[in-house]
Amino acid sequence: MPVMLRPLAVLCVLFNAAFSCDAQPPQVETQKLVLDNEFVRVFDIRVPPGVSEARHSHARGVTIALSDYDNETVSYPDGKVKRSHTKFGEVRWAEPVTHEARNTGTTEQHVIRVELKKDSPGPAPSRSDPLDSLVVCRDTQKLIFENQFARVIEERVPPGVAQPKHRHAHGLLIPLADSTIEAVDDPDGRVAQRQLKSGDAGWREPVVHAVRNIGQTQLLNIRIELR
């Protein structure tokens, strides 16, 4: 005797490959791990308009905005609600947090988040270092902020302009614009041409070098030097 299926059951069978009768909207992947070493974990975060992120935690570190966006966060355990507007290029220090987040605006929230693994601060850089980049390149590099864990530098170099030999501690380089540079690294004097792509987050070992912007656009970088 044939089995009679109810119409709803028939629909579930026919579309089972793509859907479920109890299906929920697909979860959007918003955070991608792009770098992980003994010092940092780096996430590329992209949250479309209207999308929420479930409760999650971040270690202390630095956030760099790669878009203008509006968002709302709820922190735990205090339940504090914070609404903010962020502009492209803003750089912020962030303490450890557990929160939920939602993109409340009409543009994608695009952020690079650098989370530090080291709990204890290191020594401050010596301001008497004659090769300190903030001393040698005072016209093209400026300090955004500095604390016991890191200092963050904004670098702006017009096309055709060269930076004399200077020093950087190890850390992260995050370009905010596509550019082309020519670098001369000490001590070997090797000349290298490099393409920098907006939004890439790359680890940099300590270096002494001279740099020229050989492209047609302004060199615009955020450099995070760790203690």
C-alpha atoms as a PDB file:
ATOM      1  CA  MET A   1       0.000   0.000   0.000  1.00  0.00           C
ATOM      2  CA  PRO A   2       1.663   3.273  -1.023  1.00  0.00           C
ATOM      3  CA  VAL A   3       2.667   5.710   1.688  1.00  0.00           C
ATOM      4  CA  MET A   4       1.002   9.094   1.370  1.00  0.00           C
ATOM      5  CA  LEU A   5       3.266  12.006   2.137  1.00  0.00           C
ATOM      6  CA  ARG A   6       1.955  15.316   3.343  1.00  0.00           C
ATOM      7  CA  PRO A   7       2.719  18.285   1.037  1.00  0.00           C
ATOM      8  CA  LEU A   8       5.179  19.850   3.506  1.00  0.00           C
ATOM      9  CA  ALA A   9       7.074  16.571   3.841  1.00  0.00           C
ATOM     10  CA  VAL A  10       7.265  16.268   0.058  1.00  0.00           C
ATOM     11  CA  LEU A  11       8.779  19.734  -0.195  1.00  0.00           C
ATOM     12  CA  CYS A  12      11.381  18.854   2.432  1.00  0.00           C
ATOM     13  CA  VAL A  13      12.391  15.722   0.515  1.00  0.00           C
ATOM     14  CA  LEU A  14      12.622  17.508  -2.829  1.00  0.00           C
ATOM     15  CA  PHE A  15      14.785  20.354  -1.548  1.00  0.00           C
ATOM     16  CA  ASN A  16      16.802  18.502   1.074  1.00  0.00           C
ATOM     17  CA  ALA A  17      20.053  18.886  -0.872  1.00  0.00           C
ATOM     18  CA  ALA A  18      20.043  22.652  -0.470  1.00  0.00           C
ATOM     19  CA  PHE A  19      17.684  23.379   2.404  1.00  0.00           C
ATOM     20  CA  SER A  20      16.261  21.961   5.605  1.00  0.00           C
ATOM     21  CA  CYS A  21      12.752  22.520   6.947  1.00  0.00           C
ATOM     22  CA  ASP A  22      14.433  23.815  10.110  1.00  0.00           C
ATOM     23  CA  ALA A  23      17.242  25.663   8.275  1.00  0.00           C
ATOM     24  CA  GLN A  24      18.640  28.866   9.744  1.00  0.00           C
ATOM     25  CA  PRO A  25      20.175  31.710   7.701  1.00  0.00           C
ATOM     26  CA  PRO A  26      23.798  30.826   6.829  1.00  0.00           C
ATOM     27  CA  GLN A  27      26.379  32.260   9.207  1.00  0.00           C
ATOM     28  CA  VAL A  28      28.691  34.792   7.596  1.00  0.00           C
ATOM     29  CA  GLU A  29      32.395  34.238   8.190  1.00  0.00           C
ATOM     30  CA  THR A  30      33.665  37.631   9.320  1.00  0.00           C
ATOM     31  CA  GLN A  31      37.146  37.023  10.772  1.00  0.00           C
ATOM     32  CA  LYS A  32      40.054  35.491   8.895  1.00  0.00           C
ATOM     33  CA  LEU A  33      43.391  34.694  10.548  1.00  0.00           C
ATOM     34  CA  VAL A  34      46.092  36.042   8.205  1.00  0.00           C
ATOM     35  CA  LEU A  35      49.215  35.864  10.382  1.00  0.00           C
ATOM     36  CA  ASP A  36      50.183  33.909  13.503  1.00  0.00           C
ATOM     37  CA  ASN A  37      53.666  33.857  15.036  1.00  0.00           C
ATOM     38  CA  GLU A  38      55.212  33.899  18.506  1.00  0.00           C
ATOM     39  CA  PHE A  39      54.404  37.599  18.961  1.00  0.00           C
ATOM     40  CA  VAL A  40      51.020  38.280  17.342  1.00  0.00           C
ATOM     41  CA  ARG A  41      47.848  36.957  15.789  1.00  0.00           C
ATOM     42  CA  VAL A  42      46.468  39.128  12.990  1.00  0.00           C
ATOM     43  CA  PHE A  43      42.864  39.022  11.786  1.00  0.00           C
ATOM     44  CA  ASP A  44      41.319  40.490   8.651  1.00  0.00           C
ATOM     45  CA  ILE A  45      37.767  41.348   9.771  1.00  0.00           C
ATOM     46  CA  ARG A  46      34.980  42.030   7.262  1.00  0.00           C
ATOM     47  CA  VAL A  47      31.422  42.510   8.500  1.00  0.00           C
ATOM     48  CA  PRO A  48      28.734  43.286   5.880  1.00  0.00           C
ATOM     49  CA  PRO A  49      26.015  45.846   6.683  1.00  0.00           C
ATOM     50  CA  GLY A  50      23.405  44.488   9.088  1.00  0.00           C
ATOM     51  CA  VAL A  51      25.442  41.404  10.057  1.00  0.00           C
ATOM     52  CA  SER A  52      26.013  40.515  13.714  1.00  0.00           C
ATOM     53  CA  GLU A  53      28.916  38.656  15.291  1.00  0.00           C
ATOM     54  CA  ALA A  54      28.157  36.280  18.176  1.00  0.00           C
ATOM     55  CA  ARG A  55      29.923  36.667  21.508  1.00  0.00           C
ATOM     56  CA  HIS A  56      33.692  36.283  21.120  1.00  0.00           C
ATOM     57  CA  SER A  57      36.934  37.451  22.741  1.00  0.00           C
ATOM     58  CA  HIS A  58      39.977  39.428  21.638  1.00  0.00           C
ATOM     59  CA  ALA A  59      43.379  39.849  23.252  1.00  0.00           C
ATOM     60  CA  ARG A  60      44.846  43.332  23.678  1.00  0.00           C
ATOM     61  CA  GLY A  61      46.241  44.946  20.586  1.00  0.00           C
ATOM     62  CA  VAL A  62      45.763  47.434  17.768  1.00  0.00           C
ATOM     63  CA  THR A  63      42.932  47.914  15.260  1.00  0.00           C
ATOM     64  CA  ILE A  64      43.346  49.631  11.889  1.00  0.00           C
ATOM     65  CA  ALA A  65      40.212  50.658   9.961  1.00  0.00           C
ATOM     66  CA  LEU A  66      40.260  49.994   6.222  1.00  0.00           C
ATOM     67  CA  SER A  67      36.795  51.484   5.638  1.00  0.00           C
ATOM     68  CA  ASP A  68      34.317  53.971   7.066  1.00  0.00           C
ATOM     69  CA  TYR A  69      31.676  52.118   9.094  1.00  0.00           C
ATOM     70  CA  ASP A  70      29.167  52.253  11.952  1.00  0.00           C
ATOM     71  CA  ASN A  71      28.854  49.496  14.535  1.00  0.00           C
ATOM     72  CA  GLU A  72      27.390  48.583  17.899  1.00  0.00           C
ATOM     73  CA  THR A  73      29.036  46.367  20.508  1.00  0.00           C
ATOM     74  CA  VAL A  74      27.788  44.772  23.729  1.00  0.00           C
ATOM     75  CA  SER A  75      30.614  43.941  26.142  1.00  0.00           C
ATOM     76  CA  TYR A  76      30.542  41.180  28.756  1.00  0.00           C
ATOM     77  CA  PRO A  77      30.065  40.643  31.624  1.00  0.00           C
ATOM     78  CA  ASP A  78      28.876  44.246  32.174  1.00  0.00           C
ATOM     79  CA  GLY A  79      26.454  44.352  29.217  1.00  0.00           C
ATOM     80  CA  LYS A  80      27.654  47.830  28.241  1.00  0.00           C
ATOM     81  CA  VAL A  81      26.426  48.980  24.816  1.00  0.00           C
ATOM     82  CA  LYS A  82      28.703  51.146  22.677  1.00  0.00           C
ATOM     83  CA  ARG A  83      27.836  52.712  19.329  1.00  0.00           C
ATOM     84  CA  SER A  84      30.547  54.305  17.231  1.00  0.00           C
ATOM     85  CA  HIS A  85      31.412  55.702  13.820  1.00  0.00           C
ATOM     86  CA  THR A  86      34.871  54.860  12.503  1.00  0.00           C
ATOM     87  CA  LYS A  87      36.704  56.452   9.588  1.00  0.00           C
ATOM     88  CA  PHE A  88      39.144  54.886   7.153  1.00  0.00           C
ATOM     89  CA  GLY A  89      42.683  54.972   8.523  1.00  0.00           C
ATOM     90  CA  GLU A  90      41.756  55.277  12.219  1.00  0.00           C
ATOM     91  CA  VAL A  91      44.123  53.380  14.498  1.00  0.00           C
ATOM     92  CA  ARG A  92      43.126  52.424  18.030  1.00  0.00           C
ATOM     93  CA  TRP A  93      44.577  50.589  20.994  1.00  0.00           C
ATOM     94  CA  ALA A  94      42.216  47.923  22.347  1.00  0.00           C
ATOM     95  CA  GLU A  95      42.330  46.213  25.725  1.00  0.00           C
ATOM     96  CA  PRO A  96      41.235  42.549  26.066  1.00  0.00           C
ATOM     97  CA  VAL A  97      37.485  42.239  25.535  1.00  0.00           C
ATOM     98  CA  THR A  98      34.609  39.780  25.236  1.00  0.00           C
ATOM     99  CA  HIS A  99      31.738  41.215  23.221  1.00  0.00           C
ATOM    100  CA  GLU A 100      29.040  40.870  20.591  1.00  0.00           C
ATOM    101  CA  ALA A 101      29.179  43.197  17.604  1.00  0.00           C
ATOM    102  CA  ARG A 102      26.877  44.327  14.809  1.00  0.00           C
ATOM    103  CA  ASN A 103      27.433  46.437  11.701  1.00  0.00           C
ATOM    104  CA  THR A 104      24.700  49.064  12.004  1.00  0.00           C
ATOM    105  CA  GLY A 105      25.685  51.072   8.943  1.00  0.00           C
ATOM    106  CA  THR A 106      25.401  50.797   5.163  1.00  0.00           C
ATOM    107  CA  THR A 107      29.065  50.041   4.401  1.00  0.00           C
ATOM    108  CA  GLU A 108      31.263  47.017   5.063  1.00  0.00           C
ATOM    109  CA  GLN A 109      33.207  47.114   8.306  1.00  0.00           C
ATOM    110  CA  HIS A 110      36.777  46.239   7.266  1.00  0.00           C
ATOM    111  CA  VAL A 111      39.395  46.116  10.007  1.00  0.00           C
ATOM    112  CA  ILE A 112      42.845  44.667  10.573  1.00  0.00           C
ATOM    113  CA  ARG A 113      43.134  43.588  14.215  1.00  0.00           C
ATOM    114  CA  VAL A 114      46.588  42.845  15.629  1.00  0.00           C
ATOM    115  CA  GLU A 115      46.409  40.854  18.873  1.00  0.00           C
ATOM    116  CA  LEU A 116      49.524  40.711  21.043  1.00  0.00           C
ATOM    117  CA  LYS A 117      50.629  37.471  22.676  1.00  0.00           C
ATOM    118  CA  LYS A 118      53.125  39.035  25.056  1.00  0.00           C
ATOM    119  CA  ASP A 119      51.651  39.897  28.464  1.00  0.00           C
ATOM    120  CA  SER A 120      54.566  41.874  29.872  1.00  0.00           C
ATOM    121  CA  PRO A 121      55.812  45.117  28.291  1.00  0.00           C
ATOM    122  CA  GLY A 122      59.289  45.497  26.870  1.00  0.00           C
ATOM    123  CA  PRO A 123      61.810  48.335  27.146  1.00  0.00           C
ATOM    124  CA  ALA A 124      61.037  51.663  25.515  1.00  0.00           C
ATOM    125  CA  PRO A 125      63.057  52.537  22.397  1.00  0.00           C
ATOM    126  CA  SER A 126      65.967  54.846  22.996  1.00  0.00           C
ATOM    127  CA  ARG A 127      65.252  58.399  21.883  1.00  0.00           C
ATOM    128  CA  SER A 128      69.018  58.898  21.704  1.00  0.00           C
ATOM    129  CA  ASP A 129      69.257  56.448  18.788  1.00  0.00           C
ATOM    130  CA  PRO A 130      70.449  58.607  15.870  1.00  0.00           C
ATOM    131  CA  LEU A 131      68.745  56.205  13.421  1.00  0.00           C
ATOM    132  CA  ASP A 132      65.338  56.219  15.122  1.00  0.00           C
ATOM    133  CA  SER A 133      62.790  56.635  12.315  1.00  0.00           C
ATOM    134  CA  LEU A 134      60.862  59.354  14.153  1.00  0.00           C
ATOM    135  CA  VAL A 135      64.067  61.382  14.378  1.00  0.00           C
ATOM    136  CA  VAL A 136      65.529  60.765  10.921  1.00  0.00           C
ATOM    137  CA  CYS A 137      62.216  60.812   9.021  1.00  0.00           C
ATOM    138  CA  ARG A 138      60.365  63.469  10.996  1.00  0.00           C
ATOM    139  CA  ASP A 139      58.873  64.924   7.790  1.00  0.00           C
ATOM    140  CA  THR A 140      57.348  61.636   6.621  1.00  0.00           C
ATOM    141  CA  GLN A 141      56.740  59.620   9.813  1.00  0.00           C
ATOM    142  CA  LYS A 142      54.724  60.612  12.865  1.00  0.00           C
ATOM    143  CA  LEU A 143      53.857  58.896  16.121  1.00  0.00           C
ATOM    144  CA  ILE A 144      50.154  58.016  16.421  1.00  0.00           C
ATOM    145  CA  PHE A 145      50.403  56.580  19.921  1.00  0.00           C
ATOM    146  CA  GLU A 146      52.797  54.717  22.187  1.00  0.00           C
ATOM    147  CA  ASN A 147      52.397  52.577  25.301  1.00  0.00           C
ATOM    148  CA  GLN A 148      54.311  49.912  27.208  1.00  0.00           C
ATOM    149  CA  PHE A 149      53.576  47.272  24.551  1.00  0.00           C
ATOM    150  CA  ALA A 150      54.028  49.036  21.224  1.00  0.00           C
ATOM    151  CA  ARG A 151      54.379  52.262  19.341  1.00  0.00           C
ATOM    152  CA  VAL A 152      52.362  52.972  16.218  1.00  0.00           C
ATOM    153  CA  ILE A 153      53.699  55.137  13.403  1.00  0.00           C
ATOM    154  CA  GLU A 154      51.974  56.649  10.375  1.00  0.00           C
ATOM    155  CA  GLU A 155      54.196  56.940   7.308  1.00  0.00           C
ATOM    156  CA  ARG A 156      53.336  59.282   4.416  1.00  0.00           C
ATOM    157  CA  VAL A 157      55.811  59.629   1.556  1.00  0.00           C
ATOM    158  CA  PRO A 158      54.930  61.566  -1.621  1.00  0.00           C
ATOM    159  CA  PRO A 159      55.916  60.131  -5.032  1.00  0.00           C
ATOM    160  CA  GLY A 160      59.621  60.557  -5.761  1.00  0.00           C
ATOM    161  CA  VAL A 161      60.571  61.354  -2.148  1.00  0.00           C
ATOM    162  CA  ALA A 162      63.325  59.381  -0.406  1.00  0.00           C
ATOM    163  CA  GLN A 163      63.714  58.625   3.286  1.00  0.00           C
ATOM    164  CA  PRO A 164      67.323  58.536   4.568  1.00  0.00           C
ATOM    165  CA  LYS A 165      68.687  55.544   6.450  1.00  0.00           C
ATOM    166  CA  HIS A 166      66.649  54.809   9.584  1.00  0.00           C
ATOM    167  CA  ARG A 167      65.786  51.993  11.982  1.00  0.00           C
ATOM    168  CA  HIS A 168      62.592  50.072  12.827  1.00  0.00           C
ATOM    169  CA  ALA A 169      61.984  47.486  15.548  1.00  0.00           C
ATOM    170  CA  HIS A 170      60.204  44.247  14.695  1.00  0.00           C
ATOM    171  CA  GLY A 171      56.465  44.423  14.161  1.00  0.00           C
ATOM    172  CA  LEU A 172      53.717  44.819  11.564  1.00  0.00           C
ATOM    173  CA  LEU A 173      53.436  46.900   8.410  1.00  0.00           C
ATOM    174  CA  ILE A 174      49.919  47.598   7.110  1.00  0.00           C
ATOM    175  CA  PRO A 175      49.744  49.642   3.869  1.00  0.00           C
ATOM    176  CA  LEU A 176      46.672  51.856   3.492  1.00  0.00           C
ATOM    177  CA  ALA A 177      47.346  52.454  -0.210  1.00  0.00           C
ATOM    178  CA  ASP A 178      48.955  50.611  -3.114  1.00  0.00           C
ATOM    179  CA  SER A 179      52.491  51.870  -3.705  1.00  0.00           C
ATOM    180  CA  THR A 180      55.888  50.950  -5.119  1.00  0.00           C
ATOM    181  CA  ILE A 181      59.108  51.440  -3.174  1.00  0.00           C
ATOM    182  CA  GLU A 182      62.822  50.951  -3.592  1.00  0.00           C
ATOM    183  CA  ALA A 183      64.597  49.923  -0.381  1.00  0.00           C
ATOM    184  CA  VAL A 184      68.299  49.718   0.440  1.00  0.00           C
ATOM    185  CA  ASP A 185      68.821  47.465   3.457  1.00  0.00           C
ATOM    186  CA  ASP A 186      71.816  47.497   5.773  1.00  0.00           C
ATOM    187  CA  PRO A 187      74.329  46.017   6.143  1.00  0.00           C
ATOM    188  CA  ASP A 188      74.585  44.471   2.659  1.00  0.00           C
ATOM    189  CA  GLY A 189      73.377  47.497   0.698  1.00  0.00           C
ATOM    190  CA  ARG A 190      71.134  45.313  -1.428  1.00  0.00           C
ATOM    191  CA  VAL A 191      68.580  47.272  -3.461  1.00  0.00           C
ATOM    192  CA  ALA A 192      65.106  45.767  -3.649  1.00  0.00           C
ATOM    193  CA  GLN A 193      61.963  46.991  -5.374  1.00  0.00           C
ATOM    194  CA  ARG A 194      58.740  46.082  -3.570  1.00  0.00           C
ATOM    195  CA  GLN A 195      55.035  46.418  -4.287  1.00  0.00           C
ATOM    196  CA  LEU A 196      52.890  47.301  -1.265  1.00  0.00           C
ATOM    197  CA  LYS A 197      49.206  46.416  -1.467  1.00  0.00           C
ATOM    198  CA  SER A 198      46.534  48.204   0.527  1.00  0.00           C
ATOM    199  CA  GLY A 199      45.255  46.114   3.430  1.00  0.00           C
ATOM    200  CA  ASP A 200      48.065  43.559   3.475  1.00  0.00           C
ATOM    201  CA  ALA A 201      49.410  42.885   6.961  1.00  0.00           C
ATOM    202  CA  GLY A 202      53.025  41.734   6.913  1.00  0.00           C
ATOM    203  CA  TRP A 203      55.469  40.878   9.654  1.00  0.00           C
ATOM    204  CA  ARG A 204      58.749  42.813   9.577  1.00  0.00           C
ATOM    205  CA  GLU A 205      61.957  41.865  11.357  1.00  0.00           C
ATOM    206  CA  PRO A 206      64.159  44.647  12.787  1.00  0.00           C
ATOM    207  CA  VAL A 207      65.662  46.623   9.930  1.00  0.00           C
ATOM    208  CA  VAL A 208      67.923  49.532   9.076  1.00  0.00           C
ATOM    209  CA  HIS A 209      67.145  50.809   5.604  1.00  0.00           C
ATOM    210  CA  ALA A 210      66.644  53.749   3.268  1.00  0.00           C
ATOM    211  CA  VAL A 211      63.394  53.921   1.266  1.00  0.00           C
ATOM    212  CA  ARG A 212      62.305  55.818  -1.845  1.00  0.00           C
ATOM    213  CA  ASN A 213      58.756  56.063  -3.179  1.00  0.00           C
ATOM    214  CA  ILE A 214      59.247  55.262  -6.859  1.00  0.00           C
ATOM    215  CA  GLY A 215      55.539  54.971  -7.686  1.00  0.00           C
ATOM    216  CA  GLN A 216      52.944  57.482  -8.817  1.00  0.00           C
ATOM    217  CA  THR A 217      50.879  57.463  -5.608  1.00  0.00           C
ATOM    218  CA  GLN A 218      51.551  58.502  -2.031  1.00  0.00           C
ATOM    219  CA  LEU A 219      53.103  55.857   0.196  1.00  0.00           C
ATOM    220  CA  LEU A 220      50.732  55.512   3.180  1.00  0.00           C
ATOM    221  CA  ASN A 221      51.576  52.903   5.823  1.00  0.00           C
ATOM    222  CA  ILE A 222      50.785  52.092   9.441  1.00  0.00           C
ATOM    223  CA  ARG A 223      53.737  50.505  11.228  1.00  0.00           C
ATOM    224  CA  ILE A 224      53.315  48.789  14.596  1.00  0.00           C
ATOM    225  CA  GLU A 225      56.627  48.366  16.410  1.00  0.00           C
ATOM    226  CA  LEU A 226      56.525  45.926  19.316  1.00  0.00           C
ATOM    227  CA  ARG A 227      58.472  46.283  22.553  1.00  0.00           C
END
